[in-house]
Every structure is written in structure tokens, then in C-alpha cells.
Amino acid sequence: MKIIDFLMQGYMSGVHIERINEVITATPETESPAQFFSSKYTNGVSLELNNISFSYSTKYVMLSSLSFKLDPGEVLLISGKSGCGKSTLVKIILGLLPPTGGHIICNGVNILEHNIQSFRKITGTVLQGDSLLSGSLLYNISFDNTVSLDDVIHITKGLGIHEVINSLPMGYYSQVTDINAFLSVGQIQRILLARAIYRKPALLILDEATSNLDHESETQVIDYIATIPCAKIIISHKGEALRIADKILYLDRATSYCKSNIHNKHCS
């Protein structure tokens, strides 16, 4: 196990224990209008990070004074070597890790000072380590076995996974426990993507969500993701996401910077 992985595992264990203690001891929160994020956004939300820093200790700084702005509808590609803090950054944005400094502003609201649950309700995510849940494939995508299949099928066709699901004996009602061994990792990734997109998120965050797809499948998925009307943050070590990126955030232990993707026809 790498030192960085060991540190992250230990840190996250502490965070989880702290979160459990907060849930046990906290009083129920009531959201004011300023804390509430609407689920109805034409082209997603704006997101601005100002001087975000994160460290495991005073001797191990992962992120230092990181800033960028993502406008509604824009696509941000996060790039960098393994261990430079890409996954850590999205965990901070989602409130899974507390930054040691800085602010995160979504549509003018500092989400670090308000109820993070409101923010999470408008996000769709596929993170490393995500997996399918017990239940049907339909439930895994929609969290509701009674929804109309039309909206679900529209998404799964766009992601190129509909034919695979439809070929199963029980189709969308197939139980994960019965078919999990027959699904490839890439197919599972596309089902997880369908789940994130079905939420109609204002912000879509994908951490290596296409890492196990072949080139043809990834091209189809990226092209479909580009049509989703929301802001997007994509971590990928592959090149396909670069085609749709408006901005590129490059992370490095020594220096980090964000720039416009001048080679992208969608970049103004």
C-alpha cells in the first residue's frame, strides 16, 4: 500500500467516526431559503473555489490555495498525476472531507457554512469505489421500481447500456444479486452513470467514471454526457473528456493552475 493511500485510509476513518458522532449528537437542521438549492436549473449552477487548502498534517500538504470558477453549463476536466489530490478535491467539494482553508461558493452561497445536504441534492456523482446496490437494475438507476421506463431507457440508450440490460431475462427488473457476476466493470460503470444522470443534476461530478470503457464506448458516453444540461467536473486520465472540456485544472504537488481549453470549439 502506498503511503498516500495509507494516510487517506486513516484520515477517512477518522472523518467517518467524526461524522457518526455528529449525527448522534446534532440537533435537526432546518434550512433557510439562503441554504436551499433549487432542483430546477436551466444549465446547471456556478461553482467557485477560493484558496482551498487541504493537509493531513502540517508536514503533508495535499492542496494549497487552489482556486477556480466553473460557470453554468461548463465542463471542467481535472488532470494530474496519481496522488496529486484529484479525488481529494471532489471529496472536499461534496463535503466528505473538510478543507483546512478556503471557501466553496455555489450560486453565491458558501456551502461550507450551510447545510451541505442541500448542495448534495442537486449533484450527481460517480466516484471511485461506487458499486451497485441490492435490488433491481431499475431501482439502482432510479431508486424507485415504479417509475416509467421511458426516461430511464432514454438515458441508458445514450450511454450504450440499454441493449445489455434489455437482453437479460428480467431486463430492468433483473436483481443485481443474480446478474452481478455477468456484468463487466465497464457495464457497471455505465449503470452508475445512468443513476447519476437520472437525478437531473445541476452539477455532475465524475471521478474516473469511464476508466474501464473501451475507446468506442467511452466516445459514446462522453458525447452523451456533453448533452446533459448542467455544470460538470470530470476527472479522467484518458483523452476523450478533453474534447468536451471548457476548462482544464491541472493539479501538481508543486503547483496547480486552471486554464481555458483553447483547442475546444465550445470554449469562448
Protein backbone atom coordinates (compact mmCIF):
# COMPACT_ATOMS: atom_id res chain seq x y z
CA MET A 1 0.00 0.00 0.00
CA LYS A 2 1.35 3.46 -0.92
CA ILE A 3 1.96 5.98 1.87
CA ILE A 4 -0.66 8.32 0.37
CA ASP A 5 -3.25 5.53 0.34
CA PHE A 6 -2.44 4.64 3.95
CA LEU A 7 -2.76 8.26 5.05
CA MET A 8 -6.04 8.71 3.19
CA GLN A 9 -7.46 5.50 4.68
CA GLY A 10 -6.54 6.58 8.18
CA TYR A 11 -7.82 10.10 7.67
CA MET A 12 -11.12 8.95 6.19
CA SER A 13 -11.62 6.53 9.10
CA GLY A 14 -11.30 9.45 11.47
CA VAL A 15 -13.68 11.53 9.39
CA HIS A 16 -16.27 8.74 9.34
CA ILE A 17 -16.11 8.39 13.14
CA GLU A 18 -16.47 12.15 13.48
CA ARG A 19 -19.47 12.18 11.10
CA ILE A 20 -21.18 9.41 13.08
CA ASN A 21 -20.66 11.36 16.30
CA GLU A 22 -22.10 14.48 14.67
CA VAL A 23 -25.21 12.60 13.57
CA ILE A 24 -25.72 11.16 17.05
CA THR A 25 -25.27 14.45 18.91
CA ALA A 26 -26.55 17.03 16.43
CA THR A 27 -29.96 18.64 16.56
CA PRO A 28 -32.05 18.52 13.37
CA GLU A 29 -31.23 21.30 10.92
CA THR A 30 -33.82 23.50 9.28
CA GLU A 31 -32.86 25.09 6.01
CA SER A 32 -33.38 28.78 5.40
CA PRO A 33 -34.08 29.99 1.84
CA ALA A 34 -30.43 31.02 1.56
CA GLN A 35 -29.36 27.45 2.28
CA PHE A 36 -31.73 25.83 -0.18
CA PHE A 37 -30.63 24.96 -3.71
CA SER A 38 -33.43 24.60 -6.23
CA SER A 39 -33.59 21.44 -8.33
CA LYS A 40 -34.61 23.50 -11.36
CA TYR A 41 -31.68 24.99 -13.20
CA THR A 42 -31.68 25.55 -16.95
CA ASN A 43 -27.98 24.92 -17.41
CA GLY A 44 -26.69 23.93 -14.00
CA VAL A 45 -25.07 26.00 -11.28
CA SER A 46 -21.93 28.07 -10.90
CA LEU A 47 -19.21 26.81 -8.59
CA GLU A 48 -16.26 28.81 -7.32
CA LEU A 49 -13.39 27.58 -5.16
CA ASN A 50 -11.35 30.26 -3.41
CA ASN A 51 -7.97 29.38 -1.90
CA ILE A 52 -8.91 25.82 -0.98
CA SER A 53 -6.23 24.01 1.01
CA PHE A 54 -6.10 20.53 2.48
CA SER A 55 -3.49 18.72 4.51
CA TYR A 56 -3.26 15.52 6.52
CA SER A 57 -0.79 17.20 8.85
CA THR A 58 1.44 20.26 8.96
CA LYS A 59 4.08 18.21 7.17
CA TYR A 60 1.86 16.74 4.46
CA VAL A 61 0.04 19.35 2.38
CA MET A 62 -2.12 17.89 -0.41
CA LEU A 63 -3.76 21.05 -1.79
CA SER A 64 -2.60 24.62 -1.31
CA SER A 65 -4.53 27.83 -2.13
CA LEU A 66 -6.43 26.24 -5.04
CA SER A 67 -8.91 28.46 -6.89
CA PHE A 68 -11.11 28.10 -9.97
CA LYS A 69 -14.55 29.11 -11.22
CA LEU A 70 -17.00 26.91 -13.12
CA ASP A 71 -19.92 28.67 -14.82
CA PRO A 72 -23.32 27.04 -15.53
CA GLY A 73 -23.06 24.55 -18.37
CA GLU A 74 -19.27 24.46 -18.39
CA VAL A 75 -17.15 21.31 -18.28
CA LEU A 76 -14.05 21.25 -16.09
CA LEU A 77 -11.51 18.49 -16.68
CA ILE A 78 -9.23 17.80 -13.71
CA SER A 79 -5.90 16.33 -14.70
CA GLY A 80 -2.70 15.39 -12.92
CA LYS A 81 -0.53 12.52 -11.79
CA SER A 82 -1.70 9.85 -9.37
CA GLY A 83 -1.68 11.07 -5.77
CA CYS A 84 -1.80 14.78 -6.61
CA GLY A 85 -5.20 15.33 -4.95
CA LYS A 86 -7.81 14.95 -7.72
CA SER A 87 -10.12 12.62 -5.80
CA THR A 88 -9.42 14.51 -2.59
CA LEU A 89 -10.64 17.70 -4.25
CA VAL A 90 -14.01 16.27 -5.28
CA LYS A 91 -14.47 14.83 -1.78
CA ILE A 92 -13.91 18.33 -0.41
CA ILE A 93 -16.45 19.79 -2.84
CA LEU A 94 -19.01 17.20 -1.74
CA GLY A 95 -18.35 17.81 1.94
CA LEU A 96 -16.84 14.37 2.52
CA LEU A 97 -13.56 15.93 3.61
CA PRO A 98 -13.22 19.29 5.42
CA PRO A 99 -10.73 21.71 3.81
CA THR A 100 -8.11 23.27 6.05
CA GLY A 101 -8.72 26.62 4.40
CA GLY A 102 -10.72 28.46 1.76
CA HIS A 103 -14.31 28.80 0.59
CA ILE A 104 -16.60 26.96 -1.84
CA ILE A 105 -19.31 29.15 -3.37
CA CYS A 106 -22.26 27.67 -5.29
CA ASN A 107 -24.64 30.19 -6.84
CA GLY A 108 -23.49 32.78 -4.34
CA VAL A 109 -23.86 30.52 -1.28
CA ASN A 110 -20.86 29.40 0.79
CA ILE A 111 -21.68 25.71 1.06
CA LEU A 112 -19.11 25.17 3.80
CA GLU A 113 -21.13 27.42 6.10
CA HIS A 114 -24.56 25.96 5.32
CA ASN A 115 -26.27 22.58 5.14
CA ILE A 116 -24.21 20.52 2.70
CA GLN A 117 -27.17 18.17 2.20
CA SER A 118 -28.96 20.84 0.16
CA PHE A 119 -25.97 21.02 -2.16
CA ARG A 120 -25.66 17.26 -2.50
CA LYS A 121 -29.31 17.02 -3.55
CA ILE A 122 -28.52 18.89 -6.77
CA THR A 123 -25.39 16.89 -7.61
CA GLY A 124 -24.97 13.63 -9.47
CA THR A 125 -21.79 11.71 -8.76
CA VAL A 126 -19.83 8.65 -9.82
CA LEU A 127 -16.85 8.24 -7.53
CA GLN A 128 -14.13 5.62 -7.45
CA GLY A 129 -15.33 2.68 -5.38
CA ASP A 130 -19.04 3.20 -6.11
CA SER A 131 -20.95 -0.03 -6.63
CA LEU A 132 -24.40 -1.37 -7.41
CA LEU A 133 -26.90 -1.82 -4.58
CA SER A 134 -29.11 -4.76 -3.75
CA GLY A 135 -32.31 -4.68 -5.77
CA SER A 136 -33.24 -4.41 -9.42
CA LEU A 137 -31.29 -2.53 -12.07
CA LEU A 138 -34.26 -0.17 -12.37
CA TYR A 139 -34.02 0.57 -8.65
CA ASN A 140 -30.27 1.07 -8.94
CA ILE A 141 -30.80 3.77 -11.55
CA SER A 142 -33.96 5.48 -10.27
CA PHE A 143 -34.23 4.36 -6.61
CA ASP A 144 -37.86 3.59 -7.47
CA ASN A 145 -39.18 0.37 -9.02
CA THR A 146 -42.46 2.03 -10.04
CA VAL A 147 -41.14 4.78 -12.33
CA SER A 148 -41.83 4.84 -16.05
CA LEU A 149 -39.11 3.11 -18.03
CA ASP A 150 -39.14 5.71 -20.80
CA ASP A 151 -36.91 8.24 -19.03
CA VAL A 152 -34.55 5.51 -17.84
CA ILE A 153 -34.27 3.93 -21.29
CA HIS A 154 -33.55 7.31 -22.88
CA ILE A 155 -30.51 7.60 -20.61
CA THR A 156 -29.31 4.01 -20.93
CA LYS A 157 -29.54 4.19 -24.72
CA GLY A 158 -27.46 7.35 -24.65
CA LEU A 159 -24.85 5.55 -22.56
CA GLY A 160 -24.91 2.43 -24.74
CA ILE A 161 -26.05 0.06 -21.98
CA HIS A 162 -29.74 -0.42 -22.86
CA GLU A 163 -29.20 -3.42 -25.14
CA VAL A 164 -27.17 -5.21 -22.47
CA ILE A 165 -29.85 -4.65 -19.83
CA ASN A 166 -32.68 -5.49 -22.20
CA SER A 167 -31.04 -8.81 -23.12
CA LEU A 168 -31.23 -10.03 -19.52
CA PRO A 169 -34.10 -12.44 -18.72
CA MET A 170 -35.76 -9.90 -16.41
CA GLY A 171 -34.49 -6.82 -18.21
CA TYR A 172 -34.53 -3.74 -15.99
CA TYR A 173 -36.14 -5.78 -13.23
CA SER A 174 -33.15 -8.14 -13.02
CA GLN A 175 -31.81 -8.40 -9.48
CA VAL A 176 -28.21 -7.32 -9.01
CA THR A 177 -27.52 -10.34 -6.80
CA ASP A 178 -28.48 -12.60 -9.71
CA ILE A 179 -26.56 -10.87 -12.51
CA ASN A 180 -23.65 -9.04 -10.88
CA ALA A 181 -21.19 -11.74 -11.91
CA PHE A 182 -22.31 -11.42 -15.54
CA LEU A 183 -21.78 -7.66 -15.80
CA SER A 184 -18.38 -6.31 -16.77
CA VAL A 185 -16.81 -3.47 -14.80
CA GLY A 186 -17.39 -1.17 -17.77
CA GLN A 187 -21.08 -2.09 -17.91
CA ILE A 188 -21.43 -1.42 -14.19
CA GLN A 189 -19.78 1.97 -14.69
CA ARG A 190 -22.39 2.89 -17.30
CA ILE A 191 -25.22 1.84 -14.97
CA LEU A 192 -23.71 4.05 -12.26
CA LEU A 193 -23.54 6.89 -14.77
CA ALA A 194 -27.21 6.35 -15.61
CA ARG A 195 -28.01 6.66 -11.89
CA ALA A 196 -26.14 9.96 -11.62
CA ILE A 197 -27.73 11.42 -14.76
CA TYR A 198 -31.26 10.24 -13.89
CA ARG A 199 -31.19 12.63 -10.92
CA LYS A 200 -31.16 15.53 -13.42
CA PRO A 201 -28.28 17.13 -11.53
CA ALA A 202 -27.29 20.77 -11.66
CA LEU A 203 -23.70 19.63 -11.12
CA LEU A 204 -22.30 16.31 -12.35
CA ILE A 205 -19.07 15.08 -10.75
CA LEU A 206 -17.32 12.08 -12.32
CA ASP A 207 -14.14 10.56 -10.89
CA GLU A 208 -12.64 8.14 -13.44
CA ALA A 209 -16.19 7.10 -14.35
CA THR A 210 -15.14 5.81 -17.79
CA SER A 211 -11.83 4.22 -16.78
CA ASN A 212 -12.92 0.68 -17.75
CA LEU A 213 -14.57 1.50 -21.08
CA ASP A 214 -13.03 0.76 -24.45
CA HIS A 215 -12.43 3.68 -26.79
CA GLU A 216 -15.66 3.28 -28.77
CA SER A 217 -17.83 3.00 -25.65
CA GLU A 218 -16.07 5.91 -23.97
CA THR A 219 -16.59 8.10 -27.03
CA GLN A 220 -20.33 7.37 -26.98
CA VAL A 221 -20.55 8.04 -23.23
CA ILE A 222 -18.59 11.31 -23.39
CA ASP A 223 -20.68 12.52 -26.33
CA TYR A 224 -23.85 11.81 -24.36
CA ILE A 225 -22.53 13.45 -21.18
CA ALA A 226 -21.85 16.57 -23.25
CA THR A 227 -25.58 16.87 -23.96
CA ILE A 228 -26.60 16.89 -20.27
CA PRO A 229 -27.61 20.48 -19.36
CA CYS A 230 -25.55 21.02 -16.23
CA ALA A 231 -22.13 22.02 -14.99
CA LYS A 232 -19.67 19.13 -14.99
CA ILE A 233 -16.44 18.23 -13.21
CA ILE A 234 -14.64 15.27 -14.75
CA ILE A 235 -11.53 13.50 -13.50
CA SER A 236 -10.04 11.35 -16.22
CA HIS A 237 -6.62 10.08 -17.25
CA LYS A 238 -7.96 9.39 -20.74
CA GLY A 239 -8.14 11.85 -23.61
CA GLU A 240 -11.80 11.66 -24.64
CA ALA A 241 -13.07 14.05 -21.95
CA LEU A 242 -10.67 16.69 -23.26
CA ARG A 243 -12.88 17.07 -26.35
CA ILE A 244 -15.78 18.50 -24.34
CA ALA A 245 -13.82 20.38 -21.66
CA ASP A 246 -14.18 24.15 -21.46
CA LYS A 247 -11.54 24.43 -18.75
CA ILE A 248 -8.67 22.25 -17.56
CA LEU A 249 -7.49 22.19 -13.96
CA TYR A 250 -4.03 20.69 -13.70
CA LEU A 251 -3.02 19.53 -10.23
CA ASP A 252 0.57 19.03 -9.21
CA ARG A 253 2.26 18.75 -5.82
CA ALA A 254 4.46 21.74 -6.70
CA THR A 255 1.96 23.96 -8.49
CA SER A 256 -1.63 23.90 -9.74
CA TYR A 257 -3.37 26.02 -12.34
CA CYS A 258 -6.64 26.28 -14.24
CA LYS A 259 -6.81 27.40 -17.86
CA SER A 260 -9.33 27.61 -20.69
CA ASN A 261 -9.23 24.78 -23.20
CA ILE A 262 -8.36 26.93 -26.21
CA HIS A 263 -8.44 23.92 -28.52
CA ASN A 264 -12.08 23.18 -27.68
CA LYS A 265 -14.59 24.60 -30.13
CA HIS A 266 -17.04 25.06 -27.23
CA CYS A 267 -14.65 27.34 -25.34
CA SER A 268 -15.32 31.05 -25.77
